[in-house]
Amino acid sequence: VAVLMLTHVNYRTGAMHDMSAVTAA
């Protein structure tokens, strides 16, 4: 994997990622 590309808050469900945890991963 070169790049992980995510939307912080999902446009459909409104689910939000833990930005710090995901970035660290």
PDB file of all heavy atoms in Angstrom:
ATOM      1  N   VAL A   1       0.829  -1.204   0.000  1.00  0.00           N
ATOM      2  CA  VAL A   1       0.000   0.000   0.000  1.00  0.00           C
ATOM      3  C   VAL A   1       0.865   1.257   0.000  1.00  0.00           C
ATOM      4  O   VAL A   1       1.728   1.433   0.861  1.00  0.00           O
ATOM      5  CB  VAL A   1      -0.962   0.015   1.202  1.00  0.00           C
ATOM      6  CG1 VAL A   1      -1.776   1.309   1.216  1.00  0.00           C
ATOM      7  CG2 VAL A   1      -1.888  -1.194   1.151  1.00  0.00           C
ATOM      8  N   ALA A   2       0.614   2.131  -0.958  1.00  0.00           N
ATOM      9  CA  ALA A   2       1.316   3.412  -1.047  1.00  0.00           C
ATOM     10  C   ALA A   2       0.555   4.521  -0.339  1.00  0.00           C
ATOM     11  O   ALA A   2       1.153   5.366   0.336  1.00  0.00           O
ATOM     12  CB  ALA A   2       1.536   3.780  -2.514  1.00  0.00           C
ATOM     13  N   VAL A   3      -0.770   4.536  -0.525  1.00  0.00           N
ATOM     14  CA  VAL A   3      -1.600   5.621   0.000  1.00  0.00           C
ATOM     15  C   VAL A   3      -2.900   5.049   0.552  1.00  0.00           C
ATOM     16  O   VAL A   3      -3.540   4.213  -0.095  1.00  0.00           O
ATOM     17  CB  VAL A   3      -1.946   6.664  -1.096  1.00  0.00           C
ATOM     18  CG1 VAL A   3      -2.742   7.824  -0.495  1.00  0.00           C
ATOM     19  CG2 VAL A   3      -0.689   7.173  -1.797  1.00  0.00           C
ATOM     20  N   LEU A   4      -3.277   5.510   1.736  1.00  0.00           N
ATOM     21  CA  LEU A   4      -4.611   5.262   2.271  1.00  0.00           C
ATOM     22  C   LEU A   4      -5.397   6.555   2.112  1.00  0.00           C
ATOM     23  O   LEU A   4      -5.013   7.595   2.647  1.00  0.00           O
ATOM     24  CB  LEU A   4      -4.552   4.835   3.731  1.00  0.00           C
ATOM     25  CG  LEU A   4      -5.897   4.611   4.436  1.00  0.00           C
ATOM     26  CD1 LEU A   4      -6.722   3.542   3.749  1.00  0.00           C
ATOM     27  CD2 LEU A   4      -5.681   4.259   5.914  1.00  0.00           C
ATOM     28  N   MET A   5      -6.485   6.503   1.373  1.00  0.00           N
ATOM     29  CA  MET A   5      -7.302   7.683   1.060  1.00  0.00           C
ATOM     30  C   MET A   5      -8.703   7.473   1.630  1.00  0.00           C
ATOM     31  O   MET A   5      -9.443   6.607   1.181  1.00  0.00           O
ATOM     32  CB  MET A   5      -7.375   7.888  -0.456  1.00  0.00           C
ATOM     33  CG  MET A   5      -8.206   9.060  -0.901  1.00  0.00           C
ATOM     34  SD  MET A   5      -8.478   9.108  -2.697  1.00  0.00           S
ATOM     35  CE  MET A   5      -9.684   7.789  -2.902  1.00  0.00           C
ATOM     36  N   LEU A   6      -9.063   8.281   2.624  1.00  0.00           N
ATOM     37  CA  LEU A   6     -10.349   8.123   3.282  1.00  0.00           C
ATOM     38  C   LEU A   6     -11.045   9.464   3.440  1.00  0.00           C
ATOM     39  O   LEU A   6     -10.392  10.501   3.572  1.00  0.00           O
ATOM     40  CB  LEU A   6     -10.189   7.496   4.669  1.00  0.00           C
ATOM     41  CG  LEU A   6      -9.629   6.074   4.747  1.00  0.00           C
ATOM     42  CD1 LEU A   6      -9.405   5.688   6.202  1.00  0.00           C
ATOM     43  CD2 LEU A   6     -10.558   5.078   4.065  1.00  0.00           C
ATOM     44  N   THR A   7     -12.365   9.421   3.465  1.00  0.00           N
ATOM     45  CA  THR A   7     -13.157  10.569   3.885  1.00  0.00           C
ATOM     46  C   THR A   7     -13.397  10.446   5.389  1.00  0.00           C
ATOM     47  O   THR A   7     -13.829   9.393   5.862  1.00  0.00           O
ATOM     48  CB  THR A   7     -14.484  10.635   3.126  1.00  0.00           C
ATOM     49  OG1 THR A   7     -14.207  10.802   1.723  1.00  0.00           O
ATOM     50  CG2 THR A   7     -15.319  11.808   3.604  1.00  0.00           C
ATOM     51  N   HIS A   8     -13.113  11.503   6.110  1.00  0.00           N
ATOM     52  CA  HIS A   8     -13.173  11.472   7.571  1.00  0.00           C
ATOM     53  C   HIS A   8     -14.559  11.086   8.072  1.00  0.00           C
ATOM     54  O   HIS A   8     -14.705  10.238   8.960  1.00  0.00           O
ATOM     55  CB  HIS A   8     -12.764  12.843   8.119  1.00  0.00           C
ATOM     56  CG  HIS A   8     -12.636  12.901   9.594  1.00  0.00           C
ATOM     57  ND1 HIS A   8     -12.900  14.042  10.323  1.00  0.00           N
ATOM     58  CD2 HIS A   8     -12.266  11.987  10.511  1.00  0.00           C
ATOM     59  CE1 HIS A   8     -12.698  13.809  11.594  1.00  0.00           C
ATOM     60  NE2 HIS A   8     -12.320  12.576  11.750  1.00  0.00           N
ATOM     61  N   VAL A   9     -15.596  11.703   7.520  1.00  0.00           N
ATOM     62  CA  VAL A   9     -16.980  11.372   7.835  1.00  0.00           C
ATOM     63  C   VAL A   9     -17.648  10.866   6.570  1.00  0.00           C
ATOM     64  O   VAL A   9     -17.693  11.569   5.560  1.00  0.00           O
ATOM     65  CB  VAL A   9     -17.748  12.582   8.399  1.00  0.00           C
ATOM     66  CG1 VAL A   9     -19.224  12.238   8.603  1.00  0.00           C
ATOM     67  CG2 VAL A   9     -17.131  13.054   9.714  1.00  0.00           C
ATOM     68  N   ASN A  10     -18.170   9.662   6.628  1.00  0.00           N
ATOM     69  CA  ASN A  10     -18.781   9.041   5.456  1.00  0.00           C
ATOM     70  C   ASN A  10     -20.015   9.816   5.002  1.00  0.00           C
ATOM     71  O   ASN A  10     -20.910  10.111   5.811  1.00  0.00           O
ATOM     72  CB  ASN A  10     -19.156   7.597   5.778  1.00  0.00           C
ATOM     73  CG  ASN A  10     -19.655   6.820   4.576  1.00  0.00           C
ATOM     74  OD1 ASN A  10     -20.813   6.934   4.183  1.00  0.00           O
ATOM     75  ND2 ASN A  10     -18.793   6.033   3.982  1.00  0.00           N
ATOM     76  N   TYR A  11     -20.076  10.116   3.712  1.00  0.00           N
ATOM     77  CA  TYR A  11     -21.167  10.942   3.199  1.00  0.00           C
ATOM     78  C   TYR A  11     -22.513  10.255   3.306  1.00  0.00           C
ATOM     79  O   TYR A  11     -23.548  10.922   3.428  1.00  0.00           O
ATOM     80  CB  TYR A  11     -20.890  11.343   1.743  1.00  0.00           C
ATOM     81  CG  TYR A  11     -21.291  10.307   0.716  1.00  0.00           C
ATOM     82  CD1 TYR A  11     -22.466  10.432  -0.014  1.00  0.00           C
ATOM     83  CD2 TYR A  11     -20.496   9.190   0.452  1.00  0.00           C
ATOM     84  CE1 TYR A  11     -22.831   9.491  -0.962  1.00  0.00           C
ATOM     85  CE2 TYR A  11     -20.855   8.250  -0.479  1.00  0.00           C
ATOM     86  CZ  TYR A  11     -22.016   8.396  -1.187  1.00  0.00           C
ATOM     87  OH  TYR A  11     -22.391   7.460  -2.119  1.00  0.00           O
ATOM     88  N   ARG A  12     -22.533   8.929   3.257  1.00  0.00           N
ATOM     89  CA  ARG A  12     -23.798   8.208   3.274  1.00  0.00           C
ATOM     90  C   ARG A  12     -24.257   7.925   4.719  1.00  0.00           C
ATOM     91  O   ARG A  12     -25.390   8.240   5.079  1.00  0.00           O
ATOM     92  CB  ARG A  12     -23.659   6.910   2.475  1.00  0.00           C
ATOM     93  CG  ARG A  12     -24.943   6.107   2.421  1.00  0.00           C
ATOM     94  CD  ARG A  12     -24.754   4.794   1.706  1.00  0.00           C
ATOM     95  NE  ARG A  12     -24.826   4.916   0.253  1.00  0.00           N
ATOM     96  CZ  ARG A  12     -23.888   4.514  -0.588  1.00  0.00           C
ATOM     97  NH1 ARG A  12     -22.776   3.981  -0.115  1.00  0.00           N
ATOM     98  NH2 ARG A  12     -24.042   4.647  -1.905  1.00  0.00           N
ATOM     99  N   THR A  13     -23.385   7.360   5.546  1.00  0.00           N
ATOM    100  CA  THR A  13     -23.796   6.913   6.879  1.00  0.00           C
ATOM    101  C   THR A  13     -23.536   7.923   7.986  1.00  0.00           C
ATOM    102  O   THR A  13     -24.132   7.838   9.062  1.00  0.00           O
ATOM    103  CB  THR A  13     -23.081   5.613   7.258  1.00  0.00           C
ATOM    104  OG1 THR A  13     -21.664   5.878   7.392  1.00  0.00           O
ATOM    105  CG2 THR A  13     -23.309   4.546   6.210  1.00  0.00           C
ATOM    106  N   GLY A  14     -22.614   8.855   7.754  1.00  0.00           N
ATOM    107  CA  GLY A  14     -22.219   9.765   8.822  1.00  0.00           C
ATOM    108  C   GLY A  14     -21.228   9.160   9.800  1.00  0.00           C
ATOM    109  O   GLY A  14     -20.898   9.787  10.811  1.00  0.00           O
ATOM    110  N   ALA A  15     -20.740   7.943   9.524  1.00  0.00           N
ATOM    111  CA  ALA A  15     -19.747   7.311  10.390  1.00  0.00           C
ATOM    112  C   ALA A  15     -18.419   8.055  10.275  1.00  0.00           C
ATOM    113  O   ALA A  15     -17.985   8.420   9.176  1.00  0.00           O
ATOM    114  CB  ALA A  15     -19.567   5.849  10.012  1.00  0.00           C
ATOM    115  N   MET A  16     -17.767   8.270  11.423  1.00  0.00           N
ATOM    116  CA  MET A  16     -16.536   9.053  11.465  1.00  0.00           C
ATOM    117  C   MET A  16     -15.366   8.175  11.907  1.00  0.00           C
ATOM    118  O   MET A  16     -15.444   7.435  12.883  1.00  0.00           O
ATOM    119  CB  MET A  16     -16.693  10.232  12.434  1.00  0.00           C
ATOM    120  CG  MET A  16     -15.485  11.157  12.493  1.00  0.00           C
ATOM    121  SD  MET A  16     -15.833  12.716  13.372  1.00  0.00           S
ATOM    122  CE  MET A  16     -16.070  12.074  15.047  1.00  0.00           C
ATOM    123  N   HIS A  17     -14.263   8.299  11.179  1.00  0.00           N
ATOM    124  CA  HIS A  17     -13.046   7.584  11.529  1.00  0.00           C
ATOM    125  C   HIS A  17     -12.310   8.278  12.679  1.00  0.00           C
ATOM    126  O   HIS A  17     -12.416   9.497  12.852  1.00  0.00           O
ATOM    127  CB  HIS A  17     -12.100   7.510  10.328  1.00  0.00           C
ATOM    128  CG  HIS A  17     -12.558   6.596   9.232  1.00  0.00           C
ATOM    129  ND1 HIS A  17     -12.569   5.225   9.359  1.00  0.00           N
ATOM    130  CD2 HIS A  17     -13.014   6.864   7.985  1.00  0.00           C
ATOM    131  CE1 HIS A  17     -13.013   4.684   8.241  1.00  0.00           C
ATOM    132  NE2 HIS A  17     -13.293   5.657   7.388  1.00  0.00           N
ATOM    133  N   ASP A  18     -11.561   7.506  13.416  1.00  0.00           N
ATOM    134  CA  ASP A  18     -10.617   8.041  14.394  1.00  0.00           C
ATOM    135  C   ASP A  18      -9.378   8.470  13.621  1.00  0.00           C
ATOM    136  O   ASP A  18      -8.548   7.654  13.230  1.00  0.00           O
ATOM    137  CB  ASP A  18     -10.269   6.963  15.431  1.00  0.00           C
ATOM    138  CG  ASP A  18      -9.343   7.466  16.533  1.00  0.00           C
ATOM    139  OD1 ASP A  18      -8.515   8.357  16.268  1.00  0.00           O
ATOM    140  OD2 ASP A  18      -9.434   6.941  17.666  1.00  0.00           O
ATOM    141  N   MET A  19      -9.252   9.777  13.370  1.00  0.00           N
ATOM    142  CA  MET A  19      -8.203  10.265  12.484  1.00  0.00           C
ATOM    143  C   MET A  19      -6.815   9.918  12.987  1.00  0.00           C
ATOM    144  O   MET A  19      -5.953   9.482  12.221  1.00  0.00           O
ATOM    145  CB  MET A  19      -8.336  11.782  12.288  1.00  0.00           C
ATOM    146  CG  MET A  19      -7.262  12.391  11.397  1.00  0.00           C
ATOM    147  SD  MET A  19      -7.491  14.141  11.060  1.00  0.00           S
ATOM    148  CE  MET A  19      -8.859  14.073   9.890  1.00  0.00           C
ATOM    149  N   SER A  20      -6.580  10.093  14.271  1.00  0.00           N
ATOM    150  CA  SER A  20      -5.251   9.823  14.809  1.00  0.00           C
ATOM    151  C   SER A  20      -4.902   8.347  14.713  1.00  0.00           C
ATOM    152  O   SER A  20      -3.798   7.980  14.291  1.00  0.00           O
ATOM    153  CB  SER A  20      -5.165  10.283  16.267  1.00  0.00           C
ATOM    154  OG  SER A  20      -5.246  11.693  16.355  1.00  0.00           O
ATOM    155  N   ALA A  21      -5.852   7.487  15.088  1.00  0.00           N
ATOM    156  CA  ALA A  21      -5.582   6.050  15.087  1.00  0.00           C
ATOM    157  C   ALA A  21      -5.372   5.521  13.672  1.00  0.00           C
ATOM    158  O   ALA A  21      -4.453   4.735  13.416  1.00  0.00           O
ATOM    159  CB  ALA A  21      -6.714   5.299  15.774  1.00  0.00           C
ATOM    160  N   VAL A  22      -6.211   5.949  12.746  1.00  0.00           N
ATOM    161  CA  VAL A  22      -6.100   5.466  11.367  1.00  0.00           C
ATOM    162  C   VAL A  22      -4.817   5.975  10.724  1.00  0.00           C
ATOM    163  O   VAL A  22      -4.120   5.236  10.024  1.00  0.00           O
ATOM    164  CB  VAL A  22      -7.336   5.871  10.545  1.00  0.00           C
ATOM    165  CG1 VAL A  22      -7.149   5.495   9.078  1.00  0.00           C
ATOM    166  CG2 VAL A  22      -8.589   5.202  11.099  1.00  0.00           C
ATOM    167  N   THR A  23      -4.497   7.247  10.950  1.00  0.00           N
ATOM    168  CA  THR A  23      -3.261   7.797  10.396  1.00  0.00           C
ATOM    169  C   THR A  23      -2.046   7.056  10.942  1.00  0.00           C
ATOM    170  O   THR A  23      -1.115   6.723  10.197  1.00  0.00           O
ATOM    171  CB  THR A  23      -3.149   9.297  10.711  1.00  0.00           C
ATOM    172  OG1 THR A  23      -4.266   9.990  10.142  1.00  0.00           O
ATOM    173  CG2 THR A  23      -1.864   9.884  10.151  1.00  0.00           C
ATOM    174  N   ALA A  24      -2.054   6.776  12.240  1.00  0.00           N
ATOM    175  CA  ALA A  24      -0.945   6.035  12.843  1.00  0.00           C
ATOM    176  C   ALA A  24      -0.820   4.643  12.236  1.00  0.00           C
ATOM    177  O   ALA A  24       0.297   4.160  11.977  1.00  0.00           O
ATOM    178  CB  ALA A  24      -1.136   5.943  14.356  1.00  0.00           C
ATOM    179  N   ALA A  25      -1.960   3.994  11.983  1.00  0.00           N
ATOM    180  CA  ALA A  25      -1.932   2.661  11.378  1.00  0.00           C
ATOM    181  C   ALA A  25      -1.366   2.715   9.965  1.00  0.00           C
ATOM    182  O   ALA A  25      -0.580   1.841   9.560  1.00  0.00           O
ATOM    183  CB  ALA A  25      -3.338   2.063  11.367  1.00  0.00           C
TER     184      ALA A  25
END
